[in-house]
Amino acid sequence: MGSGDNGGCQGSVYSIHLQLTEDERVRVSSTPVHSTEIEVSPYTVTYTDYESTDGGPTGPVTFQLPILYATWPIDKALPEGMEYVVENEIHIPEPLITRAAPGDPIINLNYPLTGRILDYDDELSINIPLAQLTIGVAGYNCEPFTTTLGDFSFMVSLPYFPLHPMAVSATVTVTFLNSGGAWKITGNSTTAPITRTLTATFRTDASGNPIPTQIVIPEDNSQLGEIHRAAHYFYATQNELPKTGLSSGIRIVANPQPDPEYPDARGNFAYSSSNTSRDPYINIYNHGLSDSKVVGTTIHELGHSVHFLNNRSAYTDVPDLLHESFASYSGWYLGEQYYETLGWEKPSGLLTVGMRQPSSDEVDITGQARQDWDETMLSWYSPLFIDLTDGINQNAYFTNARNYLSENVQNVPPSVVWNIISTCTTWGQVRTKMEQTLVPRYCTSTQLDDYLEEYNYWFFVNTGSISR
């Protein structure tokens, strides 16, 4: 016997050809072998267009081939007295379709289904991974969840695992329940988290290795991907705003339509003022807004939740302008920070767009900056805390005739903003706290007084006092 080049791998079978008699064929067929290539009957070939020597037609002619080609396990001996020639030693990987013996059932093997859950962002025109979701595959008992990058992997039992490329179609369930328990997204009339069922195809390459499958959440009017991305960023990232939550997780209701009672509301923070021990929840309404503004609205409402949970009983005493101004600060600060991590670049303060200044909407990707607010407006949604941090002076930035006072306070960190709002329940307390914490590190007394003047005026006009 001889051997040939096997590419440097240790051979597992011989490539052989056999010169067999009919009796020997029967002997070979009764021996357990590695391959199904050995046939019980002799090799034959039939020619249907065979011609006689004089060129005339003839019927089909069958020839019996005396040589049989096969592979044979190296560790199994052929019956004695057979004529055979070893062509090569061949390395064949362990078979991935396994049988104990011919005719036995195929053994199921574990097979990885891998993929990534994505949400399309219409602001940046890219797919964004969705992290920390609860993912399942229908028909398989598995409880995985996505990693930080939105990846998932299941080990499922399949009755085949071929070496050649293949595809497995599976039903994937995506449940909008944070795997860490911090939040869940529900429908309007239930506390059960929303589940989307999607069909995905999982493929292997030529070597049987799984190819990650990208699954994009379908766009619908529930805005699930945007709400989930906002909540995940709020709770999962390191920043200076608090992460106070509920032991059961905050419930975020994805409403596919506007609020019939308040049709302009993008969202609201629902709590009981008469029984603050009851857990609050959040409503997000669909107004057909860009994804970035849905993200900003969701973080705005989560800002309300941490403010409320910081001191439930005192929250009801805080003026609405302070409530909404801090929630707007949360949506603006974390919303912009989130989009910057995705590659968004904010226009600089007085950057011109063509021959004009950029509009508030162009600069404010989250819809939370409130830079068009002034003291004559009845709105509670002011930039009171935002203007402590941002670098925009509305009096210089906007060129219309509205009465914007000079705003020269900036770079106040979120931790200082939280220290102010979390310890105060009246405008008078907030004003005093600002004087104690901002002067002289972030501004002079004169600059702070100029800044607070319009808010003093607003509180006097709308509440009758600058101390409440």
Protein backbone atom coordinates (compact mmCIF):
# COMPACT_ATOMS: atom_id res chain seq x y z
CA MET A 1 0.00 0.00 0.00
CA GLY A 2 1.10 3.55 -0.57
CA SER A 3 0.06 7.04 0.39
CA GLY A 4 -0.07 10.43 -1.30
CA ASP A 5 -0.13 14.12 -0.36
CA ASN A 6 -2.88 14.87 2.13
CA GLY A 7 -2.17 18.59 2.55
CA GLY A 8 -0.36 18.22 5.87
CA CYS A 9 -3.37 16.79 7.75
CA GLN A 10 -3.34 13.40 9.41
CA GLY A 11 -5.27 11.03 7.17
CA SER A 12 -8.52 9.56 8.38
CA VAL A 13 -9.44 7.49 5.31
CA TYR A 14 -7.76 5.93 2.29
CA SER A 15 -8.79 6.75 -1.22
CA ILE A 16 -8.64 3.30 -2.89
CA HIS A 17 -9.72 1.51 -5.97
CA LEU A 18 -10.60 -2.15 -5.84
CA GLN A 19 -10.36 -4.90 -8.47
CA LEU A 20 -13.28 -7.02 -7.36
CA THR A 21 -14.89 -10.25 -8.38
CA GLU A 22 -18.62 -10.69 -7.87
CA ASP A 23 -17.97 -12.68 -4.68
CA GLU A 24 -15.67 -9.97 -3.38
CA ARG A 25 -18.32 -7.33 -4.01
CA VAL A 26 -20.68 -9.17 -1.70
CA ARG A 27 -17.96 -9.42 0.96
CA VAL A 28 -17.29 -5.65 0.75
CA SER A 29 -20.96 -4.76 0.98
CA SER A 30 -21.30 -6.68 4.27
CA THR A 31 -18.50 -4.69 5.95
CA PRO A 32 -19.44 -1.46 7.87
CA VAL A 33 -17.81 1.45 6.08
CA HIS A 34 -17.34 5.19 6.46
CA SER A 35 -18.85 6.20 3.13
CA THR A 36 -22.01 5.39 1.24
CA GLU A 37 -20.02 5.42 -2.00
CA ILE A 38 -19.59 1.61 -2.04
CA GLU A 39 -22.42 -0.03 -3.94
CA VAL A 40 -23.71 -3.59 -3.55
CA SER A 41 -24.15 -4.03 -7.30
CA PRO A 42 -21.25 -3.71 -9.79
CA TYR A 43 -20.56 -0.39 -11.43
CA THR A 44 -22.13 -0.29 -14.88
CA VAL A 45 -22.43 2.23 -17.69
CA THR A 46 -25.06 2.16 -20.45
CA TYR A 47 -24.78 3.87 -23.85
CA THR A 48 -28.05 4.54 -25.61
CA ASP A 49 -26.50 6.04 -28.75
CA TYR A 50 -23.98 3.26 -29.33
CA GLU A 51 -23.16 2.50 -33.03
CA SER A 52 -21.95 -0.70 -34.62
CA THR A 53 -18.60 -0.87 -36.46
CA ASP A 54 -20.30 -0.33 -39.79
CA GLY A 55 -21.99 2.85 -38.51
CA GLY A 56 -25.42 1.36 -38.17
CA PRO A 57 -27.64 1.92 -35.13
CA THR A 58 -27.83 -0.58 -32.30
CA GLY A 59 -29.81 -0.93 -29.08
CA PRO A 60 -28.55 0.15 -25.62
CA VAL A 61 -25.26 -1.47 -24.65
CA THR A 62 -24.31 -1.95 -20.98
CA PHE A 63 -20.73 -2.47 -19.81
CA GLN A 64 -19.76 -3.74 -16.37
CA LEU A 65 -16.81 -1.90 -14.84
CA PRO A 66 -14.33 -4.14 -13.02
CA ILE A 67 -12.91 -1.39 -10.79
CA LEU A 68 -14.66 0.11 -7.76
CA TYR A 69 -13.51 3.43 -6.27
CA ALA A 70 -14.19 4.13 -2.58
CA THR A 71 -12.94 5.66 0.64
CA TRP A 72 -12.06 3.32 3.48
CA PRO A 73 -11.35 4.08 7.15
CA ILE A 74 -7.66 3.78 7.94
CA ASP A 75 -8.39 2.01 11.21
CA LYS A 76 -10.48 -0.74 9.53
CA ALA A 77 -8.84 -3.62 7.67
CA LEU A 78 -10.16 -4.91 4.37
CA PRO A 79 -10.91 -8.66 4.10
CA GLU A 80 -7.82 -10.64 3.22
CA GLY A 81 -7.14 -11.71 -0.34
CA MET A 82 -8.58 -8.62 -2.03
CA GLU A 83 -6.76 -6.74 -4.76
CA TYR A 84 -6.69 -2.99 -4.06
CA VAL A 85 -4.48 0.02 -4.59
CA VAL A 86 -4.28 2.93 -2.12
CA GLU A 87 -4.28 6.20 -4.02
CA ASN A 88 -4.01 8.72 -1.11
CA GLU A 89 -4.57 9.25 2.54
CA ILE A 90 -7.40 11.76 2.88
CA HIS A 91 -8.42 13.87 5.90
CA ILE A 92 -12.19 14.11 6.24
CA PRO A 93 -13.56 16.07 9.25
CA GLU A 94 -15.82 14.26 11.65
CA PRO A 95 -19.17 13.83 9.91
CA LEU A 96 -21.76 16.36 11.01
CA ILE A 97 -24.58 14.05 10.01
CA THR A 98 -23.98 11.17 12.36
CA ARG A 99 -25.44 7.69 12.51
CA ALA A 100 -24.39 4.89 14.82
CA ALA A 101 -24.96 2.47 11.94
CA PRO A 102 -26.63 2.57 8.53
CA GLY A 103 -30.35 3.12 8.90
CA ASP A 104 -30.19 4.56 12.43
CA PRO A 105 -31.84 7.98 13.04
CA ILE A 106 -29.69 11.06 12.51
CA ILE A 107 -28.42 12.48 15.79
CA ASN A 108 -29.53 16.08 16.55
CA LEU A 109 -26.67 18.49 17.05
CA ASN A 110 -26.48 21.94 18.67
CA TYR A 111 -26.42 24.72 16.11
CA PRO A 112 -25.82 28.44 16.78
CA LEU A 113 -28.35 30.96 15.43
CA THR A 114 -26.59 34.34 15.57
CA GLY A 115 -27.73 37.80 14.62
CA ARG A 116 -28.16 41.45 15.49
CA ILE A 117 -31.36 43.39 16.26
CA LEU A 118 -31.42 46.83 14.60
CA ASP A 119 -33.64 49.92 14.43
CA TYR A 120 -33.51 52.36 11.52
CA ASP A 121 -32.92 55.98 12.52
CA ASP A 122 -34.43 58.46 10.08
CA GLU A 123 -32.40 61.38 11.43
CA LEU A 124 -29.04 59.83 10.55
CA SER A 125 -30.26 57.31 7.93
CA ILE A 126 -28.46 54.40 9.59
CA ASN A 127 -29.41 51.19 11.42
CA ILE A 128 -28.79 51.34 15.18
CA PRO A 129 -28.24 48.18 17.29
CA LEU A 130 -30.83 47.63 20.03
CA ALA A 131 -29.19 46.50 23.25
CA GLN A 132 -30.60 44.61 26.23
CA LEU A 133 -33.77 43.28 24.67
CA THR A 134 -35.35 39.94 25.47
CA ILE A 135 -35.01 37.77 22.35
CA GLY A 136 -36.42 34.30 21.72
CA VAL A 137 -36.79 31.79 18.91
CA ALA A 138 -40.18 30.13 18.62
CA GLY A 139 -40.09 26.41 19.24
CA TYR A 140 -36.82 26.42 21.19
CA ASN A 141 -36.37 26.62 24.92
CA CYS A 142 -33.87 29.45 25.26
CA GLU A 143 -33.74 32.71 27.21
CA PRO A 144 -30.99 34.85 25.73
CA PHE A 145 -30.73 38.63 25.57
CA THR A 146 -28.84 41.01 23.39
CA THR A 147 -25.42 42.30 24.32
CA THR A 148 -24.36 45.95 24.33
CA LEU A 149 -23.95 45.85 20.56
CA GLY A 150 -27.36 44.30 19.98
CA ASP A 151 -25.96 40.84 19.16
CA PHE A 152 -27.62 37.59 20.15
CA SER A 153 -26.79 33.91 19.80
CA PHE A 154 -28.85 30.78 20.47
CA MET A 155 -27.75 27.18 20.62
CA VAL A 156 -30.62 25.18 19.19
CA SER A 157 -30.94 21.48 18.39
CA LEU A 158 -31.29 20.72 14.68
CA PRO A 159 -31.37 17.36 12.89
CA TYR A 160 -28.60 18.41 10.51
CA PHE A 161 -25.43 20.47 10.48
CA PRO A 162 -24.00 20.25 6.94
CA LEU A 163 -20.62 21.39 5.74
CA HIS A 164 -22.06 23.11 2.69
CA PRO A 165 -23.90 26.48 2.87
CA MET A 166 -27.39 26.20 4.27
CA ALA A 167 -30.28 28.33 5.52
CA VAL A 168 -32.57 27.84 8.50
CA SER A 169 -35.80 29.82 8.65
CA ALA A 170 -36.90 30.62 12.19
CA THR A 171 -39.49 32.79 13.93
CA VAL A 172 -37.77 35.30 16.22
CA THR A 173 -39.65 37.00 19.05
CA VAL A 174 -38.45 40.42 20.20
CA THR A 175 -39.94 41.48 23.55
CA PHE A 176 -39.47 45.11 24.57
CA LEU A 177 -38.58 44.21 28.11
CA ASN A 178 -35.21 45.45 29.33
CA SER A 179 -33.18 42.43 30.33
CA GLY A 180 -31.88 44.36 33.35
CA GLY A 181 -35.43 45.10 34.55
CA ALA A 182 -35.15 48.93 34.45
CA TRP A 183 -38.07 49.46 32.03
CA LYS A 184 -40.61 47.82 29.78
CA ILE A 185 -42.62 49.11 26.82
CA THR A 186 -46.29 48.17 26.90
CA GLY A 187 -49.53 48.82 25.08
CA ASN A 188 -52.18 51.22 26.29
CA SER A 189 -54.41 48.75 28.12
CA THR A 190 -51.98 46.19 29.45
CA THR A 191 -48.93 45.94 31.67
CA ALA A 192 -47.46 43.12 29.57
CA PRO A 193 -44.45 44.15 27.47
CA ILE A 194 -44.98 44.40 23.73
CA THR A 195 -43.64 41.51 21.65
CA ARG A 196 -42.95 41.61 17.93
CA THR A 197 -42.73 38.34 15.99
CA LEU A 198 -40.42 38.37 12.99
CA THR A 199 -39.28 35.74 10.50
CA ALA A 200 -35.54 35.52 9.99
CA THR A 201 -33.28 33.30 7.90
CA PHE A 202 -30.05 32.10 9.48
CA ARG A 203 -27.30 30.97 7.09
CA THR A 204 -23.95 29.22 7.21
CA ASP A 205 -20.90 29.71 5.05
CA ALA A 206 -19.21 26.96 3.02
CA SER A 207 -17.57 25.56 6.17
CA GLY A 208 -20.76 25.41 8.20
CA ASN A 209 -19.94 28.51 10.26
CA PRO A 210 -22.95 30.71 11.11
CA ILE A 211 -23.29 34.05 9.31
CA PRO A 212 -24.78 36.71 11.64
CA THR A 213 -28.26 37.71 10.51
CA GLN A 214 -29.35 41.35 10.68
CA ILE A 215 -32.96 41.80 11.82
CA VAL A 216 -34.39 45.32 11.49
CA ILE A 217 -37.44 46.15 13.60
CA PRO A 218 -40.23 47.10 11.15
CA GLU A 219 -41.19 50.78 11.23
CA ASP A 220 -44.67 51.29 12.67
CA ASN A 221 -46.58 53.94 14.55
CA SER A 222 -45.67 52.53 17.97
CA GLN A 223 -42.10 53.92 17.76
CA LEU A 224 -40.78 50.97 19.75
CA GLY A 225 -37.18 51.14 18.54
CA GLU A 226 -36.83 54.85 19.32
CA ILE A 227 -38.40 54.53 22.77
CA HIS A 228 -36.19 51.54 23.60
CA ARG A 229 -33.01 53.28 22.43
CA ALA A 230 -33.82 56.33 24.56
CA ALA A 231 -34.57 54.30 27.69
CA HIS A 232 -31.47 52.18 27.25
CA TYR A 233 -29.24 55.23 26.90
CA PHE A 234 -30.86 56.92 29.91
CA TYR A 235 -30.29 53.98 32.26
CA ALA A 236 -27.24 52.21 30.81
CA THR A 237 -24.76 55.01 30.18
CA GLN A 238 -22.51 56.77 32.62
CA ASN A 239 -23.52 60.40 33.13
CA GLU A 240 -24.11 62.83 35.97
CA LEU A 241 -27.90 62.57 36.06
CA PRO A 242 -29.46 60.07 38.51
CA LYS A 243 -30.75 56.63 37.52
CA THR A 244 -33.49 56.29 40.13
CA GLY A 245 -36.00 53.70 39.01
CA LEU A 246 -38.74 51.36 40.19
CA SER A 247 -38.02 47.87 41.47
CA SER A 248 -40.50 46.52 38.91
CA GLY A 249 -39.17 48.78 36.14
CA ILE A 250 -40.78 51.92 34.77
CA ARG A 251 -43.67 51.23 32.39
CA ILE A 252 -43.50 53.19 29.13
CA VAL A 253 -46.73 53.08 27.13
CA ALA A 254 -46.27 53.29 23.36
CA ASN A 255 -49.43 55.00 22.09
CA PRO A 256 -49.78 54.70 18.31
CA GLN A 257 -52.03 57.80 18.17
CA PRO A 258 -52.01 61.28 19.79
CA ASP A 259 -53.71 61.77 23.15
CA PRO A 260 -57.39 62.51 22.39
CA GLU A 261 -57.67 64.84 25.40
CA TYR A 262 -54.41 66.71 24.78
CA PRO A 263 -53.76 66.22 21.06
CA ASP A 264 -50.56 68.30 21.05
CA ALA A 265 -48.89 66.33 23.83
CA ARG A 266 -45.87 64.32 22.70
CA GLY A 267 -45.81 62.45 25.99
CA ASN A 268 -46.70 62.75 29.65
CA PHE A 269 -45.60 61.55 33.06
CA ALA A 270 -48.60 59.98 34.79
CA TYR A 271 -48.68 59.93 38.59
CA SER A 272 -51.25 60.32 41.34
CA SER A 273 -50.99 63.64 43.18
CA SER A 274 -53.39 62.36 45.85
CA ASN A 275 -51.58 59.06 46.36
CA THR A 276 -47.90 59.44 45.54
CA SER A 277 -47.14 55.94 46.82
CA ARG A 278 -48.65 54.55 43.61
CA ASP A 279 -46.07 53.85 40.95
CA PRO A 280 -46.03 56.28 38.03
CA TYR A 281 -45.80 55.44 34.34
CA ILE A 282 -44.99 57.21 31.07
CA ASN A 283 -47.02 57.79 27.91
CA ILE A 284 -45.35 58.43 24.56
CA TYR A 285 -47.68 59.53 21.74
CA ASN A 286 -47.15 59.23 18.02
CA HIS A 287 -47.10 62.56 16.19
CA GLY A 288 -45.10 61.44 13.17
CA LEU A 289 -42.03 63.19 14.57
CA SER A 290 -38.47 62.42 13.57
CA ASP A 291 -36.82 59.64 15.54
CA SER A 292 -34.51 62.06 17.37
CA LYS A 293 -37.49 63.97 18.77
CA VAL A 294 -39.12 60.73 19.95
CA VAL A 295 -35.83 59.97 21.74
CA GLY A 296 -35.81 63.48 23.24
CA THR A 297 -39.44 63.18 24.39
CA THR A 298 -38.82 59.77 26.00
CA ILE A 299 -35.81 61.02 27.96
CA HIS A 300 -37.82 64.13 28.95
CA GLU A 301 -40.44 61.91 30.58
CA LEU A 302 -37.77 59.75 32.22
CA GLY A 303 -36.37 63.00 33.68
CA HIS A 304 -39.77 63.52 35.32
CA SER A 305 -39.61 60.00 36.73
CA VAL A 306 -36.25 60.44 38.52
CA HIS A 307 -37.37 63.86 39.81
CA PHE A 308 -40.57 62.30 41.20
CA LEU A 309 -38.87 59.23 42.68
CA ASN A 310 -36.26 61.42 44.38
CA ASN A 311 -38.98 62.72 46.73
CA ARG A 312 -42.51 61.56 45.94
CA SER A 313 -44.30 63.65 48.54
CA ALA A 314 -42.47 66.90 47.71
CA TYR A 315 -42.87 66.55 43.94
CA THR A 316 -46.48 67.75 43.97
CA ASP A 317 -45.40 71.04 45.58
CA VAL A 318 -42.86 71.93 42.89
CA PRO A 319 -44.11 74.55 40.36
CA ASP A 320 -44.83 73.14 36.91
CA LEU A 321 -42.24 75.40 35.27
CA LEU A 322 -39.53 73.79 37.42
CA HIS A 323 -40.86 70.30 36.65
CA GLU A 324 -40.89 70.86 32.91
CA SER A 325 -37.65 72.83 32.78
CA PHE A 326 -35.70 70.01 34.44
CA ALA A 327 -37.38 67.35 32.26
CA SER A 328 -36.53 69.44 29.18
CA TYR A 329 -32.95 69.68 30.41
CA SER A 330 -32.80 65.86 30.67
CA GLY A 331 -34.19 65.36 27.17
CA TRP A 332 -31.88 68.00 25.70
CA TYR A 333 -28.66 67.05 27.49
CA LEU A 334 -28.86 63.24 27.21
CA GLY A 335 -30.64 63.31 23.84
CA GLU A 336 -27.89 65.37 22.22
CA GLN A 337 -25.21 63.33 23.97
CA TYR A 338 -26.77 60.13 22.60
CA TYR A 339 -26.85 61.39 19.02
CA GLU A 340 -23.28 62.63 19.29
CA THR A 341 -22.23 59.04 20.11
CA LEU A 342 -23.87 58.05 16.79
CA GLY A 343 -21.90 60.62 14.81
CA TRP A 344 -24.21 63.67 14.83
CA GLU A 345 -22.39 67.01 15.00
CA LYS A 346 -24.20 69.98 16.48
CA PRO A 347 -23.85 73.28 14.59
CA SER A 348 -21.83 75.80 16.58
CA GLY A 349 -23.65 78.64 18.34
CA LEU A 350 -23.71 81.27 15.59
CA LEU A 351 -22.91 79.08 12.62
CA THR A 352 -24.71 80.41 9.56
CA VAL A 353 -26.65 78.21 7.18
CA GLY A 354 -26.22 79.85 3.79
CA MET A 355 -27.01 83.53 4.37
CA ARG A 356 -29.00 83.07 7.56
CA GLN A 357 -28.67 81.77 11.06
CA PRO A 358 -29.80 78.18 11.60
CA SER A 359 -33.28 77.79 13.02
CA SER A 360 -33.86 76.47 16.52
CA ASP A 361 -35.04 73.16 15.02
CA GLU A 362 -31.83 72.77 13.00
CA VAL A 363 -29.67 73.26 16.09
CA ASP A 364 -32.01 71.40 18.46
CA ILE A 365 -32.11 67.78 17.27
CA THR A 366 -34.16 66.62 20.29
CA GLY A 367 -36.87 69.30 20.29
CA GLN A 368 -36.12 69.91 23.98
CA ALA A 369 -33.81 72.96 24.04
CA ARG A 370 -36.65 75.54 24.38
CA GLN A 371 -34.48 78.31 22.98
CA ASP A 372 -37.44 80.32 21.69
CA TRP A 373 -38.97 80.76 25.17
CA ASP A 374 -39.24 84.22 26.71
CA GLU A 375 -40.77 85.82 29.79
CA THR A 376 -44.02 86.81 28.03
CA MET A 377 -44.98 83.21 27.24
CA LEU A 378 -47.37 81.22 29.41
CA SER A 379 -45.46 78.02 28.67
CA TRP A 380 -43.90 75.98 31.47
CA TYR A 381 -41.37 74.53 29.02
CA SER A 382 -38.46 76.91 29.58
CA PRO A 383 -34.67 76.65 29.11
CA LEU A 384 -34.06 77.58 32.76
CA PHE A 385 -31.56 74.76 33.39
CA ILE A 386 -30.48 74.28 29.79
CA ASP A 387 -29.17 77.86 29.63
CA LEU A 388 -26.90 77.14 32.59
CA THR A 389 -25.04 74.56 30.48
CA ASP A 390 -25.30 75.49 26.80
CA GLY A 391 -23.19 78.04 24.97
CA ILE A 392 -26.00 79.98 23.28
CA ASN A 393 -27.01 83.49 24.31
CA GLN A 394 -30.52 83.88 22.91
CA ASN A 395 -30.29 87.69 22.92
CA ALA A 396 -27.37 87.52 20.48
CA TYR A 397 -28.40 84.36 18.67
CA PHE A 398 -31.92 85.25 17.55
CA THR A 399 -32.30 88.34 15.37
CA ASN A 400 -36.04 88.98 15.82
CA ALA A 401 -37.48 91.71 18.03
CA ARG A 402 -38.51 89.51 20.94
CA ASN A 403 -37.29 90.42 24.40
CA TYR A 404 -34.47 88.00 25.13
CA LEU A 405 -32.36 89.03 28.12
CA SER A 406 -28.62 88.47 28.05
CA GLU A 407 -27.67 84.99 29.13
CA ASN A 408 -23.99 84.72 29.99
CA VAL A 409 -24.05 81.66 32.27
CA GLN A 410 -22.66 78.46 30.76
CA ASN A 411 -20.80 75.18 31.37
CA VAL A 412 -22.65 74.30 34.58
CA PRO A 413 -22.38 70.49 34.83
CA PRO A 414 -25.45 68.22 35.14
CA SER A 415 -24.51 67.25 38.71
CA VAL A 416 -24.89 70.89 39.81
CA VAL A 417 -28.20 71.19 37.95
CA TRP A 418 -29.46 68.06 39.73
CA ASN A 419 -28.27 69.37 43.09
CA ILE A 420 -30.38 72.49 42.55
CA ILE A 421 -33.63 70.87 41.40
CA SER A 422 -33.47 67.86 43.76
CA THR A 423 -33.23 70.00 46.91
CA CYS A 424 -35.69 72.79 46.08
CA THR A 425 -39.48 72.94 45.83
CA THR A 426 -40.07 76.66 45.16
CA TRP A 427 -38.75 79.29 42.77
CA GLY A 428 -37.38 81.27 45.72
CA GLN A 429 -35.39 78.22 46.89
CA VAL A 430 -34.07 77.60 43.38
CA ARG A 431 -32.94 81.20 43.03
CA THR A 432 -31.14 81.10 46.39
CA LYS A 433 -29.52 77.74 45.56
CA MET A 434 -28.25 79.13 42.26
CA GLU A 435 -26.68 82.10 44.03
CA GLN A 436 -24.95 79.73 46.46
CA THR A 437 -23.64 77.24 43.89
CA LEU A 438 -23.03 79.23 40.69
CA VAL A 439 -21.32 82.40 41.95
CA PRO A 440 -18.44 82.96 41.41
CA ARG A 441 -17.39 79.67 39.78
CA TYR A 442 -19.69 79.85 36.75
CA CYS A 443 -20.73 83.51 36.62
CA THR A 444 -20.74 86.79 38.50
CA SER A 445 -23.60 87.98 40.69
CA THR A 446 -24.51 90.57 38.07
CA GLN A 447 -24.61 87.98 35.28
CA LEU A 448 -26.81 85.67 37.38
CA ASP A 449 -29.17 88.52 38.31
CA ASP A 450 -29.53 89.45 34.63
CA TYR A 451 -30.25 85.84 33.81
CA LEU A 452 -32.86 85.37 36.54
CA GLU A 453 -34.70 88.65 35.82
CA GLU A 454 -36.97 87.21 33.14
CA TYR A 455 -37.86 84.24 35.34
CA ASN A 456 -38.65 86.54 38.27
CA TYR A 457 -40.97 88.41 35.93
CA TRP A 458 -42.60 85.17 34.70
CA PHE A 459 -43.30 83.92 38.25
CA PHE A 460 -44.64 87.29 39.34
CA VAL A 461 -47.03 87.52 36.36
CA ASN A 462 -48.18 83.88 36.53
CA THR A 463 -48.17 83.18 40.29
CA GLY A 464 -48.26 86.64 41.85
CA SER A 465 -44.95 86.08 43.67
CA ILE A 466 -41.26 85.61 42.94
CA SER A 467 -40.84 83.43 46.01
CA ARG A 468 -43.20 80.55 45.21
